[in-house]
Amino acid sequence: MTVSSVSQASKAVEPAAAIASADVASADRFLKLLVAQMQNQDPLSPMDNAQVTSQMAQINTVTGIEKLNTTVQGLSSQFVQMQALQGAGLVGHDVVVPGNLLAITDGFGQGGFDLSGPADSVKVEILAANGQVADTINLGAQSSGLHSFAWPSGTADDSSGLKFRVVAKSGALERSVTPLMRDRVAAVSMGGDALVLELARSGSVPYANVKSFN
């Protein structure tokens, strides 16, 4: 190998110092392999600048990906911590989640629903504990999105086990409806990387399922 070839290769390796400062372990392994490769190369066919530059680009790419992964993991951890703090602040408060149990307060049973599309007619059926229809509320035409309703519950309370069912139609087409109920947050916990709310009536519900807060 000629002196000029060694000089050119040395110049190509200089940027490795910057890589080492960012990721010492990865850059150190790369430099050891590169030096060993140069020491054992064929003197009649030495490495050219293009080969060295190509290898430098590869280690730079790997180092960049490792740094990006570390950054993403850090952001994910911070997000989970922020979720936990926000969830802790919900203890003792009401949330709206998917479910069909009536929440009875001050003589009224309250519930809601998420309508997938506009409907010509919407009715809410109040169901007794045995599943029989106890009453019906006709809400008429409704737009898509979130809606709520209130039903005079008389002497019934939460222990009555009353539920509701929403039926929505647009012409002959039946619209998809997600029933929503009000429940109180009793505690929060972490399920893997996700926050879980422990609700008084619904049990464990993922934080992502919460539709609104009260």
Protein backbone atom coordinates (compact mmCIF):
# COMPACT_ATOMS: atom_id res chain seq x y z
CA MET A 1 0.00 0.00 0.00
CA THR A 2 1.48 3.40 -0.94
CA VAL A 3 1.90 6.31 1.43
CA SER A 4 -0.62 8.36 -0.53
CA SER A 5 -3.24 5.60 -0.20
CA VAL A 6 -2.71 5.45 3.58
CA SER A 7 -3.01 9.23 3.78
CA GLN A 8 -6.25 9.23 1.81
CA ALA A 9 -7.72 6.46 3.94
CA SER A 10 -6.73 8.30 7.13
CA LYS A 11 -8.52 11.44 5.93
CA ALA A 12 -11.63 9.40 5.20
CA VAL A 13 -11.58 7.91 8.72
CA GLU A 14 -11.30 11.32 10.47
CA PRO A 15 -15.13 11.87 10.69
CA ALA A 16 -15.33 8.73 12.88
CA ALA A 17 -14.27 10.86 15.85
CA ALA A 18 -17.54 12.78 15.63
CA ILE A 19 -19.50 9.53 15.43
CA ALA A 20 -17.66 8.16 18.46
CA SER A 21 -18.67 11.16 20.54
CA ALA A 22 -22.35 10.43 19.72
CA ASP A 23 -22.24 6.67 20.18
CA VAL A 24 -18.89 5.48 21.56
CA ALA A 25 -19.69 1.77 21.59
CA SER A 26 -20.93 1.55 17.98
CA ALA A 27 -18.19 3.79 16.56
CA ASP A 28 -15.46 1.93 18.49
CA ARG A 29 -16.58 -1.41 17.07
CA PHE A 30 -16.68 0.09 13.58
CA LEU A 31 -13.17 1.59 13.84
CA LYS A 32 -11.69 -1.70 15.06
CA LEU A 33 -13.22 -3.55 12.11
CA LEU A 34 -12.09 -0.87 9.65
CA VAL A 35 -8.50 -0.84 10.97
CA ALA A 36 -8.35 -4.63 10.86
CA GLN A 37 -9.66 -4.58 7.31
CA MET A 38 -7.04 -2.02 6.25
CA GLN A 39 -4.22 -3.94 7.97
CA ASN A 40 -5.14 -7.16 6.20
CA GLN A 41 -5.97 -5.75 2.79
CA ASP A 42 -4.20 -6.80 -0.38
CA PRO A 43 -1.26 -4.40 -0.95
CA LEU A 44 -1.76 -4.79 -4.70
CA SER A 45 -5.43 -3.82 -4.42
CA PRO A 46 -5.84 -1.34 -1.54
CA MET A 47 -9.15 0.13 -0.45
CA ASP A 48 -10.05 3.30 -2.26
CA ASN A 49 -11.72 6.40 -0.86
CA ALA A 50 -15.13 5.33 -2.17
CA GLN A 51 -15.02 2.10 -0.13
CA VAL A 52 -14.03 3.89 3.06
CA THR A 53 -16.64 6.59 2.53
CA SER A 54 -19.32 3.96 1.92
CA GLN A 55 -18.52 2.20 5.19
CA MET A 56 -18.48 5.49 7.06
CA ALA A 57 -21.93 6.31 5.67
CA GLN A 58 -23.24 2.93 6.80
CA ILE A 59 -22.06 3.35 10.41
CA ASN A 60 -23.39 6.91 10.42
CA THR A 61 -26.82 5.65 9.32
CA VAL A 62 -26.86 2.93 12.00
CA THR A 63 -25.81 5.41 14.69
CA GLY A 64 -28.54 7.83 13.57
CA ILE A 65 -31.19 5.12 13.79
CA GLU A 66 -30.02 4.12 17.27
CA LYS A 67 -30.20 7.75 18.44
CA LEU A 68 -33.69 8.10 16.93
CA ASN A 69 -34.88 4.94 18.68
CA THR A 70 -33.52 6.23 21.99
CA THR A 71 -35.31 9.55 21.49
CA VAL A 72 -38.61 7.85 20.62
CA GLN A 73 -38.35 5.58 23.67
CA GLY A 74 -37.75 8.61 25.86
CA LEU A 75 -40.76 10.44 24.44
CA SER A 76 -42.92 7.34 24.88
CA SER A 77 -41.90 7.08 28.53
CA GLN A 78 -42.71 10.75 29.11
CA PHE A 79 -46.10 10.32 27.42
CA VAL A 80 -46.99 7.39 29.71
CA GLN A 81 -45.95 9.43 32.77
CA MET A 82 -48.10 12.37 31.61
CA GLN A 83 -51.03 10.00 31.08
CA ALA A 84 -50.61 8.60 34.59
CA LEU A 85 -50.60 12.10 36.12
CA GLN A 86 -53.67 13.10 34.14
CA GLY A 87 -55.43 9.86 35.07
CA ALA A 88 -54.68 10.36 38.77
CA GLY A 89 -56.44 13.71 38.56
CA LEU A 90 -59.59 11.95 37.35
CA VAL A 91 -60.10 9.93 40.54
CA GLY A 92 -63.46 10.90 42.04
CA HIS A 93 -64.67 12.46 38.78
CA ASP A 94 -67.14 11.19 36.20
CA VAL A 95 -66.20 10.02 32.71
CA VAL A 96 -68.24 8.94 29.71
CA VAL A 97 -67.31 5.50 28.35
CA PRO A 98 -68.92 2.85 26.13
CA GLY A 99 -71.66 1.06 28.09
CA ASN A 100 -75.43 0.88 28.50
CA LEU A 101 -76.06 1.23 32.25
CA LEU A 102 -78.30 4.15 33.18
CA ALA A 103 -76.74 6.63 35.61
CA ILE A 104 -79.61 7.81 37.82
CA THR A 105 -79.23 11.20 39.53
CA ASP A 106 -81.89 13.46 41.04
CA GLY A 107 -84.76 11.42 39.63
CA PHE A 108 -83.41 11.16 36.08
CA GLY A 109 -81.67 8.33 34.26
CA GLN A 110 -78.91 9.67 32.04
CA GLY A 111 -77.13 8.07 29.11
CA GLY A 112 -75.74 8.85 25.71
CA PHE A 113 -74.74 7.41 22.36
CA ASP A 114 -72.40 7.93 19.44
CA LEU A 115 -74.24 7.84 16.11
CA SER A 116 -72.19 6.71 13.09
CA GLY A 117 -74.26 8.77 10.63
CA PRO A 118 -77.35 10.99 10.45
CA ALA A 119 -80.61 9.19 11.19
CA ASP A 120 -84.25 9.97 10.37
CA SER A 121 -85.46 8.39 13.59
CA VAL A 122 -83.77 7.56 16.87
CA LYS A 123 -85.38 5.91 19.87
CA VAL A 124 -84.00 4.93 23.25
CA GLU A 125 -85.47 1.86 24.92
CA ILE A 126 -85.21 1.70 28.71
CA LEU A 127 -84.62 -1.90 29.77
CA ALA A 128 -85.58 -3.39 33.12
CA ALA A 129 -83.22 -5.73 34.95
CA ASN A 130 -84.92 -8.73 33.27
CA GLY A 131 -84.27 -7.25 29.80
CA GLN A 132 -87.87 -6.24 29.11
CA VAL A 133 -88.57 -2.80 27.59
CA ALA A 134 -89.88 -0.60 30.41
CA ASP A 135 -90.22 2.64 28.45
CA THR A 136 -89.29 4.24 25.11
CA ILE A 137 -87.98 7.71 24.32
CA ASN A 138 -88.46 8.95 20.75
CA LEU A 139 -85.74 11.46 19.85
CA GLY A 140 -86.70 11.92 16.19
CA ALA A 141 -84.06 12.82 13.59
CA GLN A 142 -80.50 13.19 14.87
CA SER A 143 -77.18 14.11 13.30
CA SER A 144 -74.08 11.92 13.48
CA GLY A 145 -71.85 12.20 16.53
CA LEU A 146 -72.31 12.29 20.29
CA HIS A 147 -75.75 12.75 21.91
CA SER A 148 -77.21 12.48 25.39
CA PHE A 149 -80.66 11.92 26.88
CA ALA A 150 -82.45 12.08 30.24
CA TRP A 151 -85.34 9.85 31.33
CA PRO A 152 -87.60 10.45 34.38
CA SER A 153 -86.68 7.49 36.58
CA GLY A 154 -89.27 7.91 39.35
CA THR A 155 -88.20 5.90 42.40
CA ALA A 156 -85.56 3.88 40.55
CA ASP A 157 -81.88 4.28 41.45
CA ASP A 158 -78.56 2.82 40.32
CA SER A 159 -79.24 -0.40 42.23
CA SER A 160 -82.28 -1.04 39.99
CA GLY A 161 -79.99 -2.33 37.23
CA LEU A 162 -81.71 -0.35 34.48
CA LYS A 163 -80.08 -0.37 31.07
CA PHE A 164 -80.86 1.20 27.70
CA ARG A 165 -80.73 0.36 24.03
CA VAL A 166 -80.57 2.85 21.14
CA VAL A 167 -82.14 2.09 17.76
CA ALA A 168 -81.40 4.50 14.90
CA LYS A 169 -82.57 4.30 11.30
CA SER A 170 -82.12 6.29 8.13
CA GLY A 171 -84.93 5.11 5.86
CA ALA A 172 -84.68 1.33 5.82
CA LEU A 173 -81.00 1.47 6.80
CA GLU A 174 -80.16 0.88 10.46
CA ARG A 175 -77.37 3.10 11.72
CA SER A 176 -74.54 1.81 13.89
CA VAL A 177 -74.81 3.18 17.43
CA THR A 178 -72.37 3.00 20.34
CA PRO A 179 -74.15 3.39 23.72
CA LEU A 180 -72.34 5.61 26.21
CA MET A 181 -72.70 5.73 29.98
CA ARG A 182 -71.50 7.92 32.81
CA ASP A 183 -69.29 6.31 35.43
CA ARG A 184 -67.05 7.44 38.29
CA VAL A 185 -63.29 6.88 38.42
CA ALA A 186 -62.35 5.00 41.59
CA ALA A 187 -58.65 4.44 40.82
CA VAL A 188 -56.09 4.34 38.01
CA SER A 189 -53.47 1.73 37.16
CA MET A 190 -50.96 0.92 34.44
CA GLY A 191 -51.67 -2.03 32.14
CA GLY A 192 -48.42 -2.56 30.26
CA ASP A 193 -47.74 0.79 28.56
CA ALA A 194 -51.36 1.94 28.73
CA LEU A 195 -53.29 3.71 31.45
CA VAL A 196 -56.33 1.85 32.81
CA LEU A 197 -59.20 3.45 34.73
CA GLU A 198 -60.93 1.48 37.48
CA LEU A 199 -64.57 2.59 37.29
CA ALA A 200 -67.21 2.14 39.98
CA ARG A 201 -69.73 0.32 37.75
CA SER A 202 -67.84 -0.70 34.61
CA GLY A 203 -64.68 -2.15 36.15
CA SER A 204 -61.40 -1.79 34.26
CA VAL A 205 -61.57 0.43 31.17
CA PRO A 206 -58.63 1.56 29.00
CA TYR A 207 -58.01 5.30 29.20
CA ALA A 208 -58.24 5.44 25.38
CA ASN A 209 -61.92 4.41 25.60
CA VAL A 210 -62.94 7.56 27.48
CA LYS A 211 -65.15 9.76 25.29
CA SER A 212 -65.41 12.78 27.58
CA PHE A 213 -64.76 13.98 31.14
CA ASN A 214 -67.12 15.64 33.61
